[in-house]
N, C-alpha and C. Protein backbone atom coordinates (compact mmCIF):
# COMPACT_ATOMS: atom_id res chain seq x y z
N MET A 1 4.68 -28.91 5.36
CA MET A 1 5.05 -29.63 4.17
C MET A 1 5.99 -30.76 4.59
N ALA A 2 5.83 -31.88 4.04
CA ALA A 2 6.66 -33.03 4.37
C ALA A 2 8.05 -32.86 3.78
N LEU A 3 9.00 -33.50 4.41
CA LEU A 3 10.38 -33.42 3.95
C LEU A 3 10.53 -34.00 2.54
N ALA A 4 9.80 -35.07 2.27
CA ALA A 4 9.87 -35.68 0.93
C ALA A 4 9.37 -34.71 -0.13
N ASP A 5 8.30 -33.98 0.17
CA ASP A 5 7.78 -33.01 -0.79
C ASP A 5 8.80 -31.91 -1.05
N HIS A 6 9.48 -31.49 0.01
CA HIS A 6 10.47 -30.43 -0.12
C HIS A 6 11.63 -30.89 -1.00
N LYS A 7 12.09 -32.12 -0.79
CA LYS A 7 13.19 -32.65 -1.62
C LYS A 7 12.75 -32.82 -3.07
N LEU A 8 11.50 -33.24 -3.27
CA LEU A 8 10.98 -33.40 -4.62
C LEU A 8 10.95 -32.06 -5.34
N MET A 9 10.54 -31.01 -4.64
CA MET A 9 10.49 -29.68 -5.26
C MET A 9 11.88 -29.22 -5.65
N GLU A 10 12.88 -29.50 -4.82
CA GLU A 10 14.24 -29.09 -5.15
C GLU A 10 14.77 -29.87 -6.35
N GLU A 11 14.41 -31.15 -6.45
CA GLU A 11 14.87 -31.95 -7.59
C GLU A 11 14.26 -31.45 -8.89
N VAL A 12 13.02 -31.02 -8.84
CA VAL A 12 12.35 -30.53 -10.03
C VAL A 12 12.88 -29.15 -10.42
N GLY A 13 13.40 -28.42 -9.45
CA GLY A 13 13.92 -27.09 -9.73
C GLY A 13 13.05 -25.99 -9.19
N PHE A 14 12.03 -26.35 -8.43
CA PHE A 14 11.15 -25.35 -7.85
C PHE A 14 11.75 -24.87 -6.54
N ARG A 15 11.98 -23.61 -6.43
CA ARG A 15 12.53 -23.06 -5.19
C ARG A 15 11.65 -21.91 -4.74
N MET A 16 11.50 -21.82 -3.45
CA MET A 16 10.73 -20.72 -2.87
C MET A 16 11.58 -19.46 -2.94
N SER A 17 11.02 -18.39 -3.44
CA SER A 17 11.75 -17.13 -3.45
C SER A 17 11.48 -16.40 -2.14
N GLU A 18 12.42 -15.57 -1.76
CA GLU A 18 12.25 -14.82 -0.53
C GLU A 18 11.38 -13.61 -0.79
N ALA A 19 10.55 -13.31 0.18
CA ALA A 19 9.65 -12.17 0.05
C ALA A 19 10.42 -10.88 0.27
N THR A 20 10.04 -9.87 -0.47
CA THR A 20 10.65 -8.55 -0.31
C THR A 20 9.63 -7.62 0.32
N ALA A 21 10.07 -6.43 0.66
CA ALA A 21 9.17 -5.44 1.26
C ALA A 21 8.06 -5.08 0.28
N GLY A 22 8.37 -5.06 -1.00
CA GLY A 22 7.36 -4.77 -2.02
C GLY A 22 6.26 -5.82 -2.07
N ASP A 23 6.64 -7.07 -1.82
CA ASP A 23 5.65 -8.14 -1.79
C ASP A 23 4.68 -7.95 -0.63
N PHE A 24 5.22 -7.61 0.53
CA PHE A 24 4.36 -7.38 1.69
C PHE A 24 3.48 -6.14 1.49
N PHE A 25 4.04 -5.11 0.84
CA PHE A 25 3.25 -3.91 0.56
C PHE A 25 2.12 -4.21 -0.41
N ALA A 26 2.37 -5.08 -1.39
CA ALA A 26 1.33 -5.45 -2.35
C ALA A 26 0.19 -6.21 -1.67
N LEU A 27 0.52 -6.96 -0.60
CA LEU A 27 -0.53 -7.67 0.14
C LEU A 27 -1.53 -6.71 0.77
N LEU A 28 -1.09 -5.50 1.09
CA LEU A 28 -1.96 -4.52 1.74
C LEU A 28 -2.97 -3.90 0.78
N LYS A 29 -2.81 -4.15 -0.49
CA LYS A 29 -3.67 -3.57 -1.53
C LYS A 29 -3.75 -2.05 -1.37
N PRO A 30 -2.67 -1.34 -1.68
CA PRO A 30 -2.60 0.09 -1.40
C PRO A 30 -3.65 0.94 -2.11
N ARG A 31 -4.10 0.53 -3.28
CA ARG A 31 -5.12 1.33 -3.98
C ARG A 31 -6.44 1.30 -3.23
N VAL A 32 -6.82 0.12 -2.77
CA VAL A 32 -8.07 0.00 -2.01
C VAL A 32 -7.92 0.69 -0.66
N MET A 33 -6.76 0.51 -0.04
CA MET A 33 -6.52 1.10 1.27
C MET A 33 -6.56 2.63 1.19
N SER A 34 -6.00 3.21 0.14
CA SER A 34 -6.02 4.66 0.01
C SER A 34 -7.44 5.18 -0.20
N LEU A 35 -8.27 4.42 -0.89
CA LEU A 35 -9.66 4.82 -1.06
C LEU A 35 -10.41 4.81 0.27
N VAL A 36 -10.16 3.80 1.09
CA VAL A 36 -10.80 3.72 2.41
C VAL A 36 -10.34 4.87 3.29
N VAL A 37 -9.05 5.16 3.30
CA VAL A 37 -8.52 6.25 4.12
C VAL A 37 -9.06 7.60 3.63
N PHE A 38 -9.13 7.79 2.32
CA PHE A 38 -9.68 9.04 1.78
C PHE A 38 -11.15 9.21 2.17
N THR A 39 -11.92 8.14 2.09
CA THR A 39 -13.33 8.20 2.46
C THR A 39 -13.49 8.54 3.94
N ALA A 40 -12.65 7.97 4.79
CA ALA A 40 -12.70 8.28 6.22
C ALA A 40 -12.32 9.74 6.47
N PHE A 41 -11.32 10.23 5.75
CA PHE A 41 -10.91 11.62 5.91
C PHE A 41 -12.01 12.58 5.49
N VAL A 42 -12.65 12.30 4.37
CA VAL A 42 -13.75 13.16 3.91
C VAL A 42 -14.90 13.12 4.90
N GLY A 43 -15.17 11.96 5.47
CA GLY A 43 -16.21 11.86 6.48
C GLY A 43 -15.91 12.68 7.71
N MET A 44 -14.65 12.72 8.11
CA MET A 44 -14.28 13.53 9.28
C MET A 44 -14.34 15.02 8.98
N VAL A 45 -13.97 15.39 7.77
CA VAL A 45 -14.03 16.81 7.40
C VAL A 45 -15.49 17.26 7.29
N ALA A 46 -16.36 16.40 6.79
CA ALA A 46 -17.77 16.76 6.60
C ALA A 46 -18.61 16.58 7.85
N ALA A 47 -18.01 16.13 8.94
CA ALA A 47 -18.77 15.91 10.18
C ALA A 47 -19.34 17.24 10.69
N PRO A 48 -20.55 17.21 11.24
CA PRO A 48 -21.18 18.45 11.69
C PRO A 48 -20.53 19.04 12.94
N VAL A 49 -19.80 18.26 13.69
CA VAL A 49 -19.13 18.78 14.89
C VAL A 49 -17.62 18.70 14.69
N ALA A 50 -16.92 19.57 15.41
CA ALA A 50 -15.46 19.58 15.30
C ALA A 50 -14.87 18.33 15.96
N ILE A 51 -13.86 17.77 15.33
CA ILE A 51 -13.20 16.58 15.84
C ILE A 51 -11.80 16.98 16.30
N ASN A 52 -11.40 16.49 17.44
CA ASN A 52 -10.06 16.75 17.95
C ASN A 52 -9.05 16.24 16.92
N PRO A 53 -8.09 17.09 16.51
CA PRO A 53 -7.13 16.67 15.48
C PRO A 53 -6.32 15.43 15.87
N LEU A 54 -5.96 15.29 17.14
CA LEU A 54 -5.21 14.12 17.56
C LEU A 54 -6.05 12.86 17.42
N LEU A 55 -7.32 12.94 17.80
CA LEU A 55 -8.21 11.79 17.65
C LEU A 55 -8.45 11.47 16.17
N ALA A 56 -8.50 12.50 15.35
CA ALA A 56 -8.69 12.28 13.91
C ALA A 56 -7.50 11.55 13.31
N VAL A 57 -6.29 11.94 13.70
CA VAL A 57 -5.09 11.27 13.19
C VAL A 57 -5.03 9.83 13.66
N ILE A 58 -5.36 9.60 14.94
CA ILE A 58 -5.37 8.24 15.47
C ILE A 58 -6.42 7.40 14.76
N ALA A 59 -7.58 7.98 14.51
CA ALA A 59 -8.65 7.25 13.81
C ALA A 59 -8.25 6.91 12.38
N ILE A 60 -7.64 7.85 11.68
CA ILE A 60 -7.19 7.60 10.30
C ILE A 60 -6.13 6.51 10.29
N LEU A 61 -5.21 6.56 11.25
CA LEU A 61 -4.17 5.53 11.34
C LEU A 61 -4.77 4.16 11.62
N ALA A 62 -5.73 4.09 12.53
CA ALA A 62 -6.38 2.82 12.84
C ALA A 62 -7.17 2.29 11.64
N ILE A 63 -7.82 3.18 10.92
CA ILE A 63 -8.56 2.77 9.72
C ILE A 63 -7.61 2.26 8.65
N ALA A 64 -6.46 2.92 8.49
CA ALA A 64 -5.47 2.46 7.51
C ALA A 64 -4.92 1.09 7.88
N ILE A 65 -4.65 0.88 9.16
CA ILE A 65 -4.15 -0.43 9.60
C ILE A 65 -5.21 -1.50 9.38
N GLY A 66 -6.45 -1.18 9.71
CA GLY A 66 -7.54 -2.15 9.51
C GLY A 66 -7.76 -2.47 8.04
N ALA A 67 -7.67 -1.46 7.19
CA ALA A 67 -7.85 -1.70 5.75
C ALA A 67 -6.71 -2.53 5.19
N GLY A 68 -5.50 -2.26 5.63
CA GLY A 68 -4.36 -3.06 5.18
C GLY A 68 -4.44 -4.50 5.66
N ALA A 69 -4.87 -4.68 6.90
CA ALA A 69 -5.00 -6.03 7.44
C ALA A 69 -6.08 -6.82 6.71
N SER A 70 -7.18 -6.15 6.40
CA SER A 70 -8.24 -6.87 5.68
C SER A 70 -7.79 -7.24 4.26
N GLY A 71 -7.00 -6.38 3.64
CA GLY A 71 -6.46 -6.71 2.33
C GLY A 71 -5.51 -7.88 2.38
N ALA A 72 -4.68 -7.93 3.42
CA ALA A 72 -3.73 -9.04 3.55
C ALA A 72 -4.45 -10.35 3.85
N LEU A 73 -5.48 -10.29 4.67
CA LEU A 73 -6.24 -11.50 4.98
C LEU A 73 -7.04 -11.99 3.78
N ASN A 74 -7.40 -11.08 2.90
CA ASN A 74 -8.22 -11.43 1.75
C ASN A 74 -7.41 -12.14 0.66
N MET A 75 -6.09 -12.03 0.70
CA MET A 75 -5.26 -12.65 -0.33
C MET A 75 -5.33 -14.13 -0.29
């Protein structure tokens, strides 16, 4: 943003607010993310072969991170 635009915004009274943790959490779209994580969990429970619990936790964590990242990029 140009310096002139920034000064114009301040003269008009428009100020950028600081982001809070809640704002960043809202970017992750937690309702959609929880649905994706739940679907992955049900898929692991319904799998015909036993899954190592450590690998299952790592997979769920990676899926949650991926779902949150896609929600943030989609904003």
